Amino acid sequence: MNTIPTMPRYGRAFWDMMRKRKFDDSDLNTRQQSPTGYYLPNESDSKFREQQERMNVFRRIATVIFTENAESKVKSVLPTGEAAFVEENSAIPETDAGFAAWTVKAHKIAKIVKVSNEFVNDAGFDLEDALASEFGREFGKVEENACVNGSGTGRPSGILHPTEGAETGVTIAESAAISFDDVKFLYFSLKAEYRRSAVWLMSDETALYLRTLKDNAGNYLWRDSDDTIFGKPVYTSPYMPGIEAGSKPIVLGDFNFYWLIERGGVTLKALHEKYAVNGVTGFIGTEFIDGRLIRREAVKALVMA
């Protein structure tokens, strides 16, 4: 993960400030402050990322981009024409490159964690690990839900978005069950260039159902030895819908074309006075992200009518 480097003295001053201990302001000034707090030191940020990636499958299969900039536009080249072998002195195929542009926004994720002052002031309590792990887990879950179901308003556009998400590869007739052939048709609905790096995404419920499917020769669709279908890895998400009318329970594609963009990094702010009467300190964690599938044809969905 590409983040702005911080100095060791910044990390010491950061956690002294969080514990309301004496610290040198000049040490904190080695890293620019955000309006929402101070950015996590690199070591703390790594602990946060470890938990965040564990809880958000898109941080393992999608393209994650880090930027410090304010709102800006991202351009993606659209598929236009094909390359070809050309004889010497022969005409070279020409195509006008198409571009898709979208404004990257800063959708805010935030949470307050309250910690007893007895723990905050206890030198034996690893406050850094506790907060980094808690915020990493919670932010990761919120991110994954948005990457799947996000409406694009106040949050990223998810992979199941009706107009900006995956294209329809196969539609199952009303009241019909998903068959072995339906999954096969979905697989081949994806262009070969995207199948090379494709993965499956579905819920645990759908994964369990697909594990039971067999072809006419009695061979299982799902290969248990490496958890693949037609040689492509299967990932599950609790935020993918189940097999029900109107849902998209299975998607297959090259998720490198889903871009998850981070804006500025994760910040933390201590609220020493707000909860003082209760003997606790509140910590506000904040993150700004956006996300979108930049090439819809790279991911196909199975749709239940």
Protein backbone atom coordinates (compact mmCIF):
# COMPACT_ATOMS: atom_id res chain seq x y z
CA MET A 1 0.00 0.00 0.00
CA ASN A 2 1.42 3.38 -1.02
CA THR A 3 1.13 5.90 1.81
CA ILE A 4 3.03 9.05 2.72
CA PRO A 5 6.12 8.09 4.79
CA THR A 6 6.20 9.25 8.41
CA MET A 7 9.21 9.63 10.70
CA PRO A 8 9.63 7.59 13.92
CA ARG A 9 9.37 10.77 16.01
CA TYR A 10 6.01 11.48 14.38
CA GLY A 11 4.76 8.07 15.53
CA ARG A 12 5.93 8.65 19.11
CA ALA A 13 4.35 12.12 19.26
CA PHE A 14 1.15 10.80 17.65
CA TRP A 15 0.52 8.14 20.31
CA ASP A 16 1.61 10.45 23.14
CA MET A 17 -1.04 12.88 21.92
CA MET A 18 -3.64 10.10 21.77
CA ARG A 19 -2.87 9.17 25.38
CA LYS A 20 -2.89 12.86 26.43
CA ARG A 21 0.76 12.81 27.33
CA LYS A 22 3.32 15.54 26.81
CA PHE A 23 4.68 15.68 23.25
CA ASP A 24 6.58 18.02 20.93
CA ASP A 25 4.34 19.78 18.39
CA SER A 26 7.22 20.02 15.94
CA ASP A 27 7.35 16.22 15.74
CA LEU A 28 3.71 16.10 14.59
CA ASN A 29 4.35 18.79 12.01
CA THR A 30 6.53 16.39 10.02
CA ARG A 31 3.26 15.09 8.52
CA GLN A 32 0.52 17.41 7.30
CA GLN A 33 -2.60 17.39 9.46
CA SER A 34 -6.02 16.61 8.01
CA PRO A 35 -9.19 18.52 8.99
CA THR A 36 -10.45 15.20 10.43
CA GLY A 37 -7.39 14.50 12.58
CA TYR A 38 -3.82 13.25 12.25
CA TYR A 39 -2.78 10.57 9.77
CA LEU A 40 -1.81 7.21 11.24
CA PRO A 41 1.95 6.63 11.50
CA ASN A 42 3.25 4.08 9.01
CA GLU A 43 3.56 1.19 11.47
CA SER A 44 0.04 1.78 12.80
CA ASP A 45 -1.24 2.19 9.25
CA SER A 46 0.19 -1.22 8.33
CA LYS A 47 -1.72 -2.85 11.19
CA PHE A 48 -4.87 -1.07 10.06
CA ARG A 49 -4.36 -2.23 6.45
CA GLU A 50 -3.81 -5.83 7.49
CA GLN A 51 -7.24 -6.02 9.14
CA GLN A 52 -8.89 -3.93 6.44
CA GLU A 53 -7.67 -6.23 3.67
CA ARG A 54 -8.79 -9.29 5.62
CA MET A 55 -12.34 -7.91 5.85
CA ASN A 56 -12.62 -6.46 2.33
CA VAL A 57 -12.13 -8.95 -0.49
CA PHE A 58 -11.92 -6.12 -3.02
CA ARG A 59 -8.59 -5.07 -1.51
CA ARG A 60 -7.29 -8.46 -2.68
CA ILE A 61 -8.88 -8.73 -6.13
CA ALA A 62 -9.43 -5.13 -7.28
CA THR A 63 -7.06 -2.26 -8.12
CA VAL A 64 -6.42 -0.06 -5.08
CA ILE A 65 -5.21 3.47 -5.82
CA PHE A 66 -3.93 5.99 -3.27
CA THR A 67 -4.04 9.73 -3.87
CA GLU A 68 -3.53 12.86 -1.77
CA ASN A 69 -5.41 15.08 -4.22
CA ALA A 70 -8.83 16.65 -3.78
CA GLU A 71 -11.71 15.74 -6.12
CA SER A 72 -10.41 15.02 -9.62
CA LYS A 73 -11.32 13.19 -12.82
CA VAL A 74 -10.10 9.73 -13.76
CA LYS A 75 -9.97 8.70 -17.42
CA SER A 76 -10.03 5.15 -18.71
CA VAL A 77 -9.36 4.03 -22.30
CA LEU A 78 -12.35 2.19 -23.76
CA PRO A 79 -11.86 -0.92 -25.96
CA THR A 80 -11.56 0.29 -29.57
CA GLY A 81 -10.46 -1.87 -32.49
CA GLU A 82 -7.74 -4.52 -32.60
CA ALA A 83 -4.04 -4.73 -33.38
CA ALA A 84 -2.90 -6.83 -36.38
CA PHE A 85 0.15 -8.14 -38.20
CA VAL A 86 1.17 -5.67 -40.90
CA GLU A 87 3.30 -6.30 -43.96
CA GLU A 88 6.15 -3.90 -44.64
CA ASN A 89 4.90 -0.68 -46.26
CA SER A 90 1.27 -1.73 -45.69
CA ALA A 91 -1.33 0.38 -43.94
CA ILE A 92 -1.48 0.12 -40.16
CA PRO A 93 -4.99 -0.28 -38.66
CA GLU A 94 -6.25 2.95 -37.14
CA THR A 95 -8.81 3.54 -34.41
CA ASP A 96 -9.77 6.60 -32.43
CA ALA A 97 -9.22 5.92 -28.75
CA GLY A 98 -12.33 6.29 -26.65
CA PHE A 99 -12.16 7.56 -23.09
CA ALA A 100 -14.50 7.27 -20.14
CA ALA A 101 -14.12 9.96 -17.49
CA TRP A 102 -15.59 10.11 -14.01
CA THR A 103 -15.15 12.42 -11.09
CA VAL A 104 -13.50 10.75 -8.12
CA LYS A 105 -15.27 11.81 -4.95
CA ALA A 106 -14.35 11.56 -1.28
CA HIS A 107 -17.00 9.43 0.43
CA LYS A 108 -16.46 9.53 4.18
CA ILE A 109 -16.32 6.48 6.45
CA ALA A 110 -16.11 7.26 10.17
CA LYS A 111 -16.56 5.67 13.57
CA ILE A 112 -15.99 6.56 17.23
CA VAL A 113 -14.42 3.96 19.50
CA LYS A 114 -14.59 4.61 23.26
CA VAL A 115 -11.80 3.23 25.45
CA SER A 116 -11.64 3.28 29.24
CA ASN A 117 -9.09 5.79 30.52
CA GLU A 118 -7.64 3.01 32.66
CA PHE A 119 -6.55 1.27 29.47
CA VAL A 120 -5.54 4.50 27.72
CA ASN A 121 -3.16 5.35 30.58
CA ASP A 122 -1.90 1.80 31.07
CA ALA A 123 1.57 1.49 29.54
CA GLY A 124 1.04 -2.28 29.28
CA PHE A 125 -2.05 -1.91 27.09
CA ASP A 126 -1.31 -1.82 23.35
CA LEU A 127 -3.63 1.05 22.42
CA GLU A 128 -2.10 1.27 18.96
CA ASP A 129 -2.85 -2.33 18.06
CA ALA A 130 -6.34 -2.21 19.58
CA LEU A 131 -7.43 0.90 17.67
CA ALA A 132 -5.72 0.04 14.39
CA SER A 133 -7.26 -3.45 14.42
CA GLU A 134 -10.75 -2.25 15.38
CA PHE A 135 -10.92 0.51 12.78
CA GLY A 136 -9.34 -1.75 10.14
CA ARG A 137 -11.97 -4.46 10.64
CA GLU A 138 -14.94 -2.09 10.72
CA PHE A 139 -13.83 0.08 7.81
CA GLY A 140 -13.04 -3.02 5.75
CA LYS A 141 -16.58 -4.37 6.20
CA VAL A 142 -18.18 -1.04 5.25
CA GLU A 143 -15.93 -0.81 2.18
CA GLU A 144 -16.76 -4.31 0.94
CA ASN A 145 -20.50 -3.72 1.26
CA ALA A 146 -20.16 -0.53 -0.79
CA CYS A 147 -17.96 -2.20 -3.42
CA VAL A 148 -20.72 -4.78 -3.91
CA ASN A 149 -23.94 -2.80 -3.42
CA GLY A 150 -22.92 0.88 -3.45
CA SER A 151 -25.36 3.27 -5.12
CA GLY A 152 -22.75 5.87 -6.06
CA THR A 153 -24.53 8.45 -3.89
CA GLY A 154 -22.68 9.07 -0.65
CA ARG A 155 -20.65 5.93 -1.28
CA PRO A 156 -18.82 4.17 -4.16
CA SER A 157 -20.63 2.54 -7.08
CA GLY A 158 -20.77 -1.19 -6.42
CA ILE A 159 -20.17 -4.10 -8.73
CA LEU A 160 -23.94 -4.79 -8.78
CA HIS A 161 -24.92 -1.22 -9.70
CA PRO A 162 -27.65 -1.46 -12.39
CA THR A 163 -26.01 0.96 -14.85
CA GLU A 164 -22.37 1.21 -13.73
CA GLY A 165 -21.75 -2.31 -12.47
CA ALA A 166 -21.27 -5.69 -14.12
CA GLU A 167 -22.95 -6.45 -17.44
CA THR A 168 -25.51 -9.25 -17.64
CA GLY A 169 -23.96 -12.49 -18.85
CA VAL A 170 -26.81 -14.96 -18.23
CA THR A 171 -30.43 -14.50 -17.19
CA ILE A 172 -32.23 -17.34 -15.42
CA ALA A 173 -35.93 -17.73 -16.19
CA GLU A 174 -38.37 -16.99 -13.38
CA SER A 175 -38.76 -19.87 -10.88
CA ALA A 176 -35.94 -21.82 -12.61
CA ALA A 177 -32.94 -23.16 -10.64
CA ILE A 178 -29.33 -22.40 -11.55
CA SER A 179 -27.93 -25.32 -13.52
CA PHE A 180 -24.44 -26.52 -14.38
CA ASP A 181 -24.92 -25.20 -17.92
CA ASP A 182 -26.01 -21.76 -16.66
CA VAL A 183 -22.69 -21.36 -14.87
CA LYS A 184 -20.88 -22.58 -17.98
CA PHE A 185 -22.74 -20.05 -20.15
CA LEU A 186 -21.82 -17.28 -17.70
CA TYR A 187 -18.17 -18.31 -17.91
CA PHE A 188 -18.13 -18.12 -21.71
CA SER A 189 -20.14 -14.87 -21.77
CA LEU A 190 -16.95 -13.19 -20.56
CA LYS A 191 -14.44 -12.35 -23.28
CA ALA A 192 -11.33 -14.51 -23.28
CA GLU A 193 -9.08 -11.54 -22.52
CA TYR A 194 -10.92 -10.98 -19.23
CA ARG A 195 -11.20 -14.69 -18.39
CA ARG A 196 -7.41 -14.91 -18.12
CA SER A 197 -7.43 -13.08 -14.78
CA ALA A 198 -11.06 -13.71 -13.83
CA VAL A 199 -12.37 -14.71 -10.40
CA TRP A 200 -15.83 -15.62 -9.14
CA LEU A 201 -17.65 -13.66 -6.44
CA MET A 202 -20.75 -14.91 -4.60
CA SER A 203 -22.24 -15.42 -1.14
CA ASP A 204 -21.58 -18.44 1.07
CA GLU A 205 -25.15 -19.58 0.40
CA THR A 206 -24.58 -19.56 -3.37
CA ALA A 207 -21.17 -21.20 -3.00
CA LEU A 208 -22.74 -24.05 -1.04
CA TYR A 209 -25.37 -24.52 -3.75
CA LEU A 210 -22.77 -24.58 -6.55
CA ARG A 211 -20.77 -27.19 -4.67
CA THR A 212 -23.68 -29.59 -5.23
CA LEU A 213 -23.98 -29.14 -9.01
CA LYS A 214 -22.83 -31.95 -11.30
CA ASP A 215 -22.67 -32.43 -15.05
CA ASN A 216 -24.35 -35.31 -16.86
CA ALA A 217 -21.33 -37.52 -16.19
CA GLY A 218 -21.56 -36.93 -12.45
CA ASN A 219 -18.56 -34.58 -12.25
CA TYR A 220 -18.87 -31.74 -9.74
CA LEU A 221 -18.79 -28.17 -11.02
CA TRP A 222 -16.74 -27.03 -8.02
CA ARG A 223 -13.21 -28.39 -7.65
CA ASP A 224 -12.63 -28.88 -3.92
CA SER A 225 -8.86 -29.34 -4.20
CA ASP A 226 -8.29 -25.66 -4.92
CA ASP A 227 -11.75 -24.05 -4.61
CA THR A 228 -12.07 -23.17 -8.29
CA ILE A 229 -14.79 -23.33 -10.94
CA PHE A 230 -13.46 -23.93 -14.46
CA GLY A 231 -10.01 -23.18 -13.06
CA LYS A 232 -10.93 -19.74 -11.69
CA PRO A 233 -10.69 -18.95 -7.95
CA VAL A 234 -13.90 -18.43 -5.98
CA TYR A 235 -14.23 -15.58 -3.45
CA THR A 236 -17.19 -15.07 -1.18
CA SER A 237 -18.72 -11.98 0.36
CA PRO A 238 -21.49 -11.74 2.97
CA TYR A 239 -22.79 -8.73 1.04
CA MET A 240 -23.51 -10.62 -2.19
CA PRO A 241 -27.20 -11.51 -2.55
CA GLY A 242 -28.49 -15.04 -2.31
CA ILE A 243 -30.31 -16.98 -5.03
CA GLU A 244 -33.65 -15.17 -5.14
CA ALA A 245 -35.85 -13.44 -7.69
CA GLY A 246 -34.39 -10.23 -9.10
CA SER A 247 -30.92 -10.78 -7.62
CA LYS A 248 -27.45 -11.14 -9.14
CA PRO A 249 -26.02 -13.96 -7.00
CA ILE A 250 -22.92 -14.70 -9.11
CA VAL A 251 -20.43 -12.43 -10.84
CA LEU A 252 -17.34 -13.43 -12.79
CA GLY A 253 -14.69 -11.16 -14.18
CA ASP A 254 -11.36 -9.40 -14.06
CA PHE A 255 -11.74 -7.26 -10.95
CA ASN A 256 -8.58 -5.35 -11.79
CA PHE A 257 -11.02 -3.11 -13.66
CA TYR A 258 -12.75 -2.21 -10.40
CA TRP A 259 -10.85 0.74 -8.97
CA LEU A 260 -10.98 1.43 -5.23
CA ILE A 261 -9.50 4.87 -4.62
CA GLU A 262 -8.30 6.14 -1.25
CA ARG A 263 -8.10 9.86 -0.57
CA GLY A 264 -5.33 10.94 1.80
CA GLY A 265 -5.13 8.02 4.20
CA VAL A 266 -6.73 7.17 7.53
CA THR A 267 -6.86 9.77 10.31
CA LEU A 268 -7.42 9.53 14.03
CA LYS A 269 -8.54 12.17 16.54
CA ALA A 270 -8.79 11.80 20.33
CA LEU A 271 -11.78 13.22 22.21
CA HIS A 272 -10.31 13.55 25.69
CA GLU A 273 -12.94 15.89 27.12
CA LYS A 274 -16.19 14.78 25.45
CA TYR A 275 -16.53 11.56 27.48
CA ALA A 276 -14.39 12.54 30.48
CA VAL A 277 -17.35 12.39 32.87
CA ASN A 278 -17.72 8.70 31.96
CA GLY A 279 -14.04 7.95 32.44
CA VAL A 280 -13.43 7.10 28.79
CA THR A 281 -11.69 8.62 25.78
CA GLY A 282 -13.33 8.63 22.37
CA PHE A 283 -11.28 8.09 19.22
CA ILE A 284 -12.66 9.14 15.83
CA GLY A 285 -11.31 7.23 12.85
CA THR A 286 -11.96 8.67 9.38
CA GLU A 287 -11.29 7.51 5.83
CA PHE A 288 -12.29 8.87 2.40
CA ILE A 289 -12.75 6.50 -0.54
CA ASP A 290 -14.43 6.12 -3.92
CA GLY A 291 -14.79 3.19 -6.29
CA ARG A 292 -16.20 2.13 -9.62
CA LEU A 293 -16.00 -0.54 -12.30
CA ILE A 294 -14.19 1.34 -15.05
CA ARG A 295 -14.85 -1.26 -17.77
CA ARG A 296 -18.25 -2.94 -17.44
CA GLU A 297 -17.61 -5.69 -19.98
CA ALA A 298 -14.77 -6.98 -17.78
CA VAL A 299 -17.25 -8.43 -15.27
CA LYS A 300 -20.41 -10.43 -16.04
CA ALA A 301 -23.31 -11.23 -13.75
CA LEU A 302 -25.82 -14.06 -13.56
CA VAL A 303 -29.25 -12.50 -13.13
CA MET A 304 -32.30 -14.14 -11.59
CA ALA A 305 -35.40 -12.95 -13.46
